[in-house]
N, C-alpha and C. Protein backbone atom coordinates (compact mmCIF):
# COMPACT_ATOMS: atom_id res chain seq x y z
N MET A 1 -44.13 27.46 66.62
CA MET A 1 -44.03 26.61 65.46
C MET A 1 -43.59 27.42 64.25
N ALA A 2 -44.14 28.62 64.11
CA ALA A 2 -43.74 29.46 62.99
C ALA A 2 -42.29 29.85 63.10
N ALA A 3 -41.82 30.05 64.32
CA ALA A 3 -40.42 30.41 64.52
C ALA A 3 -39.52 29.27 64.12
N LEU A 4 -39.95 28.05 64.41
CA LEU A 4 -39.16 26.89 64.04
C LEU A 4 -39.10 26.76 62.52
N GLY A 5 -40.22 26.99 61.86
CA GLY A 5 -40.25 26.91 60.39
C GLY A 5 -39.36 27.97 59.76
N LEU A 6 -39.36 29.18 60.33
CA LEU A 6 -38.54 30.27 59.82
C LEU A 6 -37.07 29.98 60.01
N SER A 7 -36.70 29.43 61.18
CA SER A 7 -35.29 29.16 61.43
C SER A 7 -34.79 28.03 60.52
N SER A 8 -35.64 27.06 60.26
CA SER A 8 -35.21 25.99 59.35
C SER A 8 -35.08 26.51 57.93
N LEU A 9 -35.93 27.47 57.56
CA LEU A 9 -35.78 28.10 56.24
C LEU A 9 -34.50 28.91 56.16
N LEU A 10 -34.22 29.64 57.23
CA LEU A 10 -33.00 30.44 57.25
C LEU A 10 -31.76 29.55 57.23
N GLY A 11 -31.84 28.39 57.86
CA GLY A 11 -30.71 27.46 57.84
C GLY A 11 -30.45 26.91 56.46
N ALA A 12 -31.48 26.81 55.63
CA ALA A 12 -31.33 26.26 54.29
C ALA A 12 -30.65 27.25 53.35
N VAL A 13 -30.80 28.53 53.64
CA VAL A 13 -30.19 29.55 52.80
C VAL A 13 -28.82 29.87 53.38
N PRO A 14 -27.77 29.74 52.62
CA PRO A 14 -26.44 29.98 53.19
C PRO A 14 -26.26 31.45 53.54
N ALA A 15 -25.70 31.65 54.70
CA ALA A 15 -25.37 33.00 55.14
C ALA A 15 -24.16 33.47 54.36
N PRO A 16 -23.97 34.77 54.22
CA PRO A 16 -22.82 35.27 53.46
C PRO A 16 -21.49 34.70 53.95
N ALA A 17 -21.36 34.41 55.23
CA ALA A 17 -20.12 33.86 55.74
C ALA A 17 -19.92 32.41 55.29
N GLN A 18 -21.01 31.71 54.95
CA GLN A 18 -20.91 30.32 54.55
C GLN A 18 -20.56 30.16 53.06
N VAL A 19 -20.70 31.19 52.26
CA VAL A 19 -20.38 31.15 50.84
C VAL A 19 -18.86 31.15 50.69
N ASP A 20 -18.36 30.37 49.74
CA ASP A 20 -16.91 30.30 49.51
C ASP A 20 -16.40 31.66 49.05
N PRO A 21 -15.60 32.31 49.88
CA PRO A 21 -15.14 33.65 49.51
C PRO A 21 -14.14 33.64 48.35
N PHE A 22 -13.59 32.48 48.04
CA PHE A 22 -12.60 32.38 46.97
C PHE A 22 -13.18 31.90 45.65
N ALA A 23 -14.48 31.61 45.63
CA ALA A 23 -15.10 31.08 44.42
C ALA A 23 -14.95 32.05 43.25
N ASP A 24 -15.18 33.32 43.50
CA ASP A 24 -15.07 34.32 42.43
C ASP A 24 -13.62 34.42 41.95
N ILE A 25 -12.69 34.36 42.89
CA ILE A 25 -11.27 34.44 42.51
C ILE A 25 -10.87 33.22 41.69
N GLN A 26 -11.32 32.05 42.10
CA GLN A 26 -11.01 30.83 41.37
C GLN A 26 -11.61 30.86 39.97
N LEU A 27 -12.83 31.35 39.86
CA LEU A 27 -13.48 31.47 38.56
C LEU A 27 -12.67 32.39 37.65
N ARG A 28 -12.26 33.52 38.18
CA ARG A 28 -11.47 34.47 37.39
C ARG A 28 -10.11 33.90 37.01
N GLN A 29 -9.50 33.15 37.91
CA GLN A 29 -8.22 32.51 37.60
C GLN A 29 -8.38 31.49 36.47
N ASN A 30 -9.44 30.71 36.54
CA ASN A 30 -9.71 29.73 35.48
C ASN A 30 -9.93 30.43 34.14
N GLN A 31 -10.71 31.49 34.16
CA GLN A 31 -10.96 32.24 32.93
C GLN A 31 -9.66 32.83 32.38
N PHE A 32 -8.83 33.35 33.27
CA PHE A 32 -7.55 33.93 32.86
C PHE A 32 -6.64 32.87 32.25
N ARG A 33 -6.55 31.69 32.90
CA ARG A 33 -5.73 30.59 32.38
C ARG A 33 -6.23 30.13 31.01
N GLN A 34 -7.53 30.02 30.87
CA GLN A 34 -8.09 29.60 29.59
C GLN A 34 -7.82 30.63 28.51
N GLN A 35 -7.93 31.90 28.84
CA GLN A 35 -7.64 32.95 27.87
C GLN A 35 -6.16 32.92 27.50
N GLN A 36 -5.30 32.67 28.47
CA GLN A 36 -3.87 32.55 28.18
C GLN A 36 -3.60 31.38 27.24
N GLN A 37 -4.29 30.27 27.48
CA GLN A 37 -4.11 29.10 26.62
C GLN A 37 -4.54 29.42 25.20
N LEU A 38 -5.67 30.07 25.04
CA LEU A 38 -6.14 30.43 23.70
C LEU A 38 -5.18 31.43 23.04
N ASP A 39 -4.69 32.39 23.81
CA ASP A 39 -3.73 33.36 23.27
C ASP A 39 -2.44 32.66 22.84
N GLU A 40 -2.00 31.70 23.64
CA GLU A 40 -0.79 30.95 23.29
C GLU A 40 -1.01 30.13 22.02
N MET A 41 -2.18 29.56 21.88
CA MET A 41 -2.49 28.79 20.67
C MET A 41 -2.47 29.72 19.45
N ARG A 42 -3.01 30.91 19.60
CA ARG A 42 -2.99 31.89 18.50
C ARG A 42 -1.55 32.28 18.15
N ARG A 43 -0.73 32.52 19.18
CA ARG A 43 0.68 32.87 18.93
C ARG A 43 1.41 31.74 18.23
N ASN A 44 1.19 30.51 18.70
CA ASN A 44 1.84 29.36 18.06
C ASN A 44 1.40 29.22 16.60
N GLN A 45 0.12 29.46 16.37
CA GLN A 45 -0.39 29.39 15.00
C GLN A 45 0.26 30.49 14.15
N GLN A 46 0.41 31.67 14.69
CA GLN A 46 1.04 32.76 13.94
C GLN A 46 2.50 32.44 13.65
N ILE A 47 3.20 31.88 14.62
CA ILE A 47 4.60 31.50 14.41
C ILE A 47 4.69 30.44 13.31
N HIS A 48 3.83 29.46 13.38
CA HIS A 48 3.80 28.42 12.34
C HIS A 48 3.53 29.05 10.98
N GLN A 49 2.59 29.97 10.91
CA GLN A 49 2.26 30.62 9.64
C GLN A 49 3.45 31.40 9.09
N LEU A 50 4.16 32.09 9.96
CA LEU A 50 5.34 32.85 9.51
C LEU A 50 6.42 31.93 8.97
N ARG A 51 6.70 30.85 9.69
CA ARG A 51 7.71 29.88 9.22
C ARG A 51 7.28 29.27 7.89
N SER A 52 6.04 28.90 7.84
CA SER A 52 5.51 28.30 6.62
C SER A 52 5.61 29.27 5.45
N GLN A 53 5.25 30.52 5.68
CA GLN A 53 5.31 31.52 4.61
C GLN A 53 6.74 31.76 4.15
N GLN A 54 7.69 31.75 5.08
CA GLN A 54 9.09 31.90 4.69
C GLN A 54 9.54 30.74 3.80
N GLU A 55 9.17 29.54 4.18
CA GLU A 55 9.54 28.37 3.38
C GLU A 55 8.85 28.40 2.02
N ILE A 56 7.61 28.82 2.01
CA ILE A 56 6.88 28.93 0.74
C ILE A 56 7.55 29.97 -0.16
N ASN A 57 7.96 31.09 0.41
CA ASN A 57 8.64 32.11 -0.38
C ASN A 57 9.95 31.59 -0.97
N GLN A 58 10.68 30.81 -0.18
CA GLN A 58 11.91 30.22 -0.68
C GLN A 58 11.62 29.25 -1.83
N LEU A 59 10.59 28.43 -1.64
CA LEU A 59 10.21 27.51 -2.71
C LEU A 59 9.80 28.28 -3.98
N GLN A 60 9.06 29.35 -3.78
CA GLN A 60 8.62 30.15 -4.92
C GLN A 60 9.82 30.73 -5.67
N GLN A 61 10.80 31.20 -4.96
CA GLN A 61 12.00 31.74 -5.60
C GLN A 61 12.72 30.66 -6.39
N GLN A 62 12.81 29.48 -5.82
CA GLN A 62 13.48 28.38 -6.51
C GLN A 62 12.71 27.96 -7.76
N ILE A 63 11.40 27.94 -7.66
CA ILE A 63 10.58 27.60 -8.84
C ILE A 63 10.79 28.65 -9.92
N ASP A 64 10.78 29.92 -9.52
CA ASP A 64 11.00 31.00 -10.50
C ASP A 64 12.38 30.89 -11.15
N GLN A 65 13.39 30.56 -10.36
CA GLN A 65 14.74 30.40 -10.91
C GLN A 65 14.78 29.22 -11.88
N THR A 66 14.11 28.15 -11.53
CA THR A 66 14.08 26.97 -12.41
C THR A 66 13.36 27.30 -13.70
N ARG A 67 12.27 28.02 -13.59
CA ARG A 67 11.48 28.38 -14.76
C ARG A 67 12.28 29.32 -15.68
N ASN A 68 13.08 30.18 -15.12
CA ASN A 68 13.80 31.19 -15.89
C ASN A 68 15.21 30.75 -16.30
N ARG A 69 15.60 29.55 -15.95
CA ARG A 69 16.92 29.06 -16.31
C ARG A 69 16.97 28.83 -17.82
N PRO A 70 17.98 29.35 -18.50
CA PRO A 70 18.02 29.25 -19.96
C PRO A 70 18.24 27.83 -20.48
N SER A 71 19.04 27.02 -19.80
CA SER A 71 19.33 25.69 -20.33
C SER A 71 18.14 24.75 -20.11
N ASP A 72 17.85 23.99 -21.13
CA ASP A 72 16.75 23.00 -21.07
C ASP A 72 15.43 23.62 -20.64
N GLN A 73 15.21 24.84 -21.10
CA GLN A 73 14.01 25.56 -20.67
C GLN A 73 12.74 24.83 -21.12
N LEU A 74 12.77 24.25 -22.27
CA LEU A 74 11.57 23.57 -22.76
C LEU A 74 11.25 22.34 -21.92
N GLN A 75 12.28 21.65 -21.48
CA GLN A 75 12.06 20.44 -20.69
C GLN A 75 11.59 20.76 -19.27
N GLN A 76 12.10 21.84 -18.68
CA GLN A 76 11.80 22.16 -17.29
C GLN A 76 10.52 22.98 -17.13
N GLN A 77 10.05 23.56 -18.18
CA GLN A 77 8.86 24.41 -18.08
C GLN A 77 7.63 23.65 -17.55
N PRO A 78 7.33 22.46 -18.09
CA PRO A 78 6.17 21.73 -17.54
C PRO A 78 6.37 21.34 -16.07
N ASP A 79 7.60 20.97 -15.72
CA ASP A 79 7.88 20.61 -14.33
C ASP A 79 7.70 21.82 -13.42
N ALA A 80 8.20 22.95 -13.83
CA ALA A 80 8.07 24.16 -13.04
C ALA A 80 6.60 24.56 -12.91
N SER A 81 5.85 24.39 -13.97
CA SER A 81 4.41 24.71 -13.92
C SER A 81 3.68 23.77 -12.96
N ARG A 82 4.04 22.51 -13.01
CA ARG A 82 3.42 21.52 -12.11
C ARG A 82 3.76 21.84 -10.65
N LEU A 83 5.01 22.18 -10.41
CA LEU A 83 5.42 22.54 -9.05
C LEU A 83 4.73 23.83 -8.59
N GLN A 84 4.59 24.76 -9.50
CA GLN A 84 3.90 26.01 -9.17
C GLN A 84 2.45 25.72 -8.79
N HIS A 85 1.82 24.83 -9.53
CA HIS A 85 0.44 24.44 -9.23
C HIS A 85 0.36 23.79 -7.84
N GLN A 86 1.30 22.90 -7.53
CA GLN A 86 1.32 22.25 -6.22
C GLN A 86 1.50 23.27 -5.10
N LEU A 87 2.40 24.21 -5.33
CA LEU A 87 2.65 25.23 -4.31
C LEU A 87 1.42 26.12 -4.11
N ASN A 88 0.78 26.49 -5.20
CA ASN A 88 -0.44 27.31 -5.09
C ASN A 88 -1.54 26.56 -4.34
N GLN A 89 -1.70 25.30 -4.68
CA GLN A 89 -2.71 24.48 -4.01
C GLN A 89 -2.39 24.35 -2.51
N PHE A 90 -1.12 24.16 -2.21
CA PHE A 90 -0.70 24.06 -0.81
C PHE A 90 -1.01 25.36 -0.06
N GLN A 91 -0.72 26.50 -0.66
CA GLN A 91 -1.00 27.79 -0.03
C GLN A 91 -2.50 27.96 0.23
N ASN A 92 -3.32 27.55 -0.71
CA ASN A 92 -4.78 27.64 -0.52
C ASN A 92 -5.24 26.75 0.63
N GLU A 93 -4.68 25.54 0.71
CA GLU A 93 -5.03 24.64 1.80
C GLU A 93 -4.62 25.23 3.15
N GLU A 94 -3.44 25.83 3.18
CA GLU A 94 -2.96 26.45 4.42
C GLU A 94 -3.87 27.60 4.85
N GLN A 95 -4.30 28.39 3.91
CA GLN A 95 -5.19 29.50 4.24
C GLN A 95 -6.53 29.00 4.79
N LEU A 96 -7.06 27.95 4.19
CA LEU A 96 -8.30 27.37 4.70
C LEU A 96 -8.12 26.84 6.13
N LYS A 97 -6.99 26.20 6.38
CA LYS A 97 -6.72 25.70 7.73
C LYS A 97 -6.63 26.85 8.73
N ARG A 98 -5.97 27.93 8.34
CA ARG A 98 -5.85 29.08 9.24
C ARG A 98 -7.22 29.63 9.59
N LEU A 99 -8.06 29.77 8.59
CA LEU A 99 -9.41 30.30 8.84
C LEU A 99 -10.22 29.37 9.72
N GLU A 100 -10.09 28.07 9.49
CA GLU A 100 -10.82 27.09 10.31
C GLU A 100 -10.32 27.12 11.75
N HIS A 101 -9.01 27.21 11.94
CA HIS A 101 -8.47 27.27 13.30
C HIS A 101 -8.96 28.52 14.03
N GLU A 102 -8.96 29.64 13.34
CA GLU A 102 -9.41 30.87 13.96
C GLU A 102 -10.90 30.79 14.31
N ARG A 103 -11.68 30.19 13.43
CA ARG A 103 -13.11 30.00 13.72
C ARG A 103 -13.30 29.13 14.96
N ARG A 104 -12.53 28.06 15.04
CA ARG A 104 -12.65 27.16 16.19
C ARG A 104 -12.17 27.83 17.48
N LEU A 105 -11.11 28.61 17.39
CA LEU A 105 -10.65 29.34 18.58
C LEU A 105 -11.72 30.31 19.08
N ASN A 106 -12.35 31.01 18.16
CA ASN A 106 -13.43 31.93 18.54
C ASN A 106 -14.60 31.18 19.15
N GLN A 107 -14.91 30.02 18.59
CA GLN A 107 -16.01 29.20 19.11
C GLN A 107 -15.67 28.72 20.53
N ILE A 108 -14.45 28.27 20.72
CA ILE A 108 -14.02 27.81 22.05
C ILE A 108 -14.11 28.96 23.05
N GLN A 109 -13.67 30.12 22.63
CA GLN A 109 -13.66 31.28 23.52
C GLN A 109 -15.08 31.66 23.96
N ARG A 110 -16.06 31.47 23.10
CA ARG A 110 -17.44 31.83 23.43
C ARG A 110 -18.15 30.77 24.27
N ASP A 111 -17.63 29.55 24.29
CA ASP A 111 -18.28 28.46 25.01
C ASP A 111 -18.26 28.73 26.52
N LEU A 112 -19.39 28.60 27.16
CA LEU A 112 -19.50 28.90 28.59
C LEU A 112 -19.13 27.71 29.47
N ASP A 113 -19.19 26.52 28.93
CA ASP A 113 -18.88 25.31 29.71
C ASP A 113 -17.35 25.16 29.80
N ARG A 114 -16.81 25.34 30.98
CA ARG A 114 -15.36 25.35 31.19
C ARG A 114 -14.72 24.03 30.76
N LEU A 115 -15.29 22.90 31.17
CA LEU A 115 -14.70 21.60 30.84
C LEU A 115 -14.73 21.34 29.33
N ARG A 116 -15.84 21.66 28.70
CA ARG A 116 -15.93 21.48 27.25
C ARG A 116 -14.93 22.39 26.54
N ARG A 117 -14.79 23.60 27.04
CA ARG A 117 -13.85 24.56 26.44
C ARG A 117 -12.42 24.02 26.54
N GLU A 118 -12.06 23.49 27.71
CA GLU A 118 -10.72 22.92 27.89
C GLU A 118 -10.49 21.74 26.96
N ARG A 119 -11.49 20.87 26.86
CA ARG A 119 -11.38 19.68 26.01
C ARG A 119 -11.24 20.08 24.54
N GLN A 120 -12.03 21.05 24.11
CA GLN A 120 -11.96 21.51 22.72
C GLN A 120 -10.63 22.19 22.43
N ALA A 121 -10.12 22.94 23.39
CA ALA A 121 -8.83 23.61 23.20
C ALA A 121 -7.71 22.58 23.08
N GLN A 122 -7.75 21.54 23.90
CA GLN A 122 -6.73 20.49 23.82
C GLN A 122 -6.83 19.74 22.48
N GLU A 123 -8.05 19.48 22.06
CA GLU A 123 -8.26 18.80 20.77
C GLU A 123 -7.74 19.65 19.62
N LEU A 124 -8.04 20.94 19.66
CA LEU A 124 -7.57 21.83 18.60
C LEU A 124 -6.05 21.92 18.60
N GLN A 125 -5.47 21.96 19.78
CA GLN A 125 -4.02 22.03 19.88
C GLN A 125 -3.37 20.77 19.27
N ARG A 126 -3.91 19.60 19.56
CA ARG A 126 -3.39 18.36 18.96
C ARG A 126 -3.57 18.38 17.45
N GLN A 127 -4.71 18.84 16.99
CA GLN A 127 -4.97 18.91 15.55
C GLN A 127 -3.99 19.86 14.87
N GLN A 128 -3.71 20.99 15.50
CA GLN A 128 -2.76 21.94 14.93
C GLN A 128 -1.37 21.33 14.83
N GLN A 129 -0.96 20.59 15.85
CA GLN A 129 0.34 19.95 15.82
C GLN A 129 0.43 18.94 14.68
N ILE A 130 -0.61 18.16 14.50
CA ILE A 130 -0.64 17.17 13.42
C ILE A 130 -0.60 17.88 12.07
N GLU A 131 -1.39 18.93 11.92
CA GLU A 131 -1.43 19.65 10.64
C GLU A 131 -0.12 20.37 10.36
N GLU A 132 0.56 20.85 11.40
CA GLU A 132 1.86 21.47 11.19
C GLU A 132 2.85 20.45 10.64
N LEU A 133 2.83 19.24 11.19
CA LEU A 133 3.71 18.18 10.68
C LEU A 133 3.36 17.81 9.24
N GLN A 134 2.08 17.73 8.95
CA GLN A 134 1.66 17.42 7.58
C GLN A 134 2.07 18.53 6.62
N SER A 135 1.94 19.76 7.04
CA SER A 135 2.33 20.89 6.20
C SER A 135 3.83 20.86 5.93
N GLN A 136 4.59 20.58 6.97
CA GLN A 136 6.04 20.50 6.80
C GLN A 136 6.39 19.38 5.81
N GLN A 137 5.70 18.27 5.91
CA GLN A 137 5.96 17.16 5.00
C GLN A 137 5.63 17.55 3.56
N LYS A 138 4.52 18.27 3.36
CA LYS A 138 4.16 18.71 2.00
C LYS A 138 5.20 19.67 1.45
N ARG A 139 5.68 20.59 2.28
CA ARG A 139 6.72 21.51 1.82
C ARG A 139 8.00 20.75 1.48
N ASN A 140 8.33 19.76 2.30
CA ASN A 140 9.51 18.94 2.01
C ASN A 140 9.34 18.16 0.70
N ASP A 141 8.15 17.65 0.46
CA ASP A 141 7.89 16.92 -0.79
C ASP A 141 8.06 17.83 -2.00
N ILE A 142 7.52 19.04 -1.90
CA ILE A 142 7.66 19.99 -3.00
C ILE A 142 9.14 20.34 -3.20
N GLN A 143 9.86 20.52 -2.10
CA GLN A 143 11.29 20.82 -2.19
C GLN A 143 12.05 19.68 -2.85
N GLN A 144 11.73 18.45 -2.51
CA GLN A 144 12.40 17.29 -3.11
C GLN A 144 12.12 17.23 -4.62
N GLU A 145 10.89 17.46 -5.00
CA GLU A 145 10.57 17.46 -6.43
C GLU A 145 11.30 18.58 -7.16
N LEU A 146 11.36 19.72 -6.51
CA LEU A 146 12.06 20.86 -7.09
C LEU A 146 13.54 20.53 -7.25
N ASP A 147 14.13 19.90 -6.25
CA ASP A 147 15.54 19.51 -6.34
C ASP A 147 15.77 18.53 -7.49
N LYS A 148 14.84 17.61 -7.69
CA LYS A 148 14.95 16.66 -8.82
C LYS A 148 14.91 17.41 -10.16
N VAL A 149 13.99 18.34 -10.28
CA VAL A 149 13.86 19.10 -11.51
C VAL A 149 15.12 19.91 -11.77
N LYS A 150 15.65 20.53 -10.72
CA LYS A 150 16.85 21.34 -10.87
C LYS A 150 18.07 20.49 -11.25
N SER A 151 18.09 19.24 -10.79
CA SER A 151 19.25 18.39 -11.10
C SER A 151 19.16 17.77 -12.49
N GLN A 152 17.99 17.83 -13.12
CA GLN A 152 17.81 17.29 -14.48
C GLN A 152 18.16 18.38 -15.49
N LYS A 153 19.38 18.42 -15.90
CA LYS A 153 19.79 19.45 -16.85
C LYS A 153 19.66 18.95 -18.25
C-alpha cells in the first residue's frame, strides 16, 4: 500500500523528461522581443525628437529674423513676441511628453506580467503616434502664423 501511495505521488511530480524543454527558450525569446519593441519605441521617440527639434530651430530662426527686420519693426514686435511665447510653451510641452514617455517605458520594462507589458507598450505606441501628429500640427500652426506676420509688411 505504501508503495502504491509513493508511486502515485511520484506520478504527480513531473519527471525532468516531462518538463517542456523549450519553455526557457520561449521565455527568453519573448523577453528579447519585448526588449526589442521597447528599444524600437525609444529609437522612434528619439527620431521624432530630432525632427521636432530641427523644425523648432527653423521656426526660432524665422522668428528671430522677423523680430530683427528693420521695416515695420514696431508693428511686428508684438507678433514676434507672441510667436516666441507659443514656441517656448510648445518646447516645454514637448519636454514634458518626452519625460512622461521615458517614465512609462521604464515602468513597462519593469513590469513582470508579459501580457500587461505588451498591452501597455501597444497603448504607449499609439499614444506616441497621436502626440507626434498633434506636435506636427502645432508646429504647422506656428509656422502659418509666422508666415502671416512675415507677409504683413
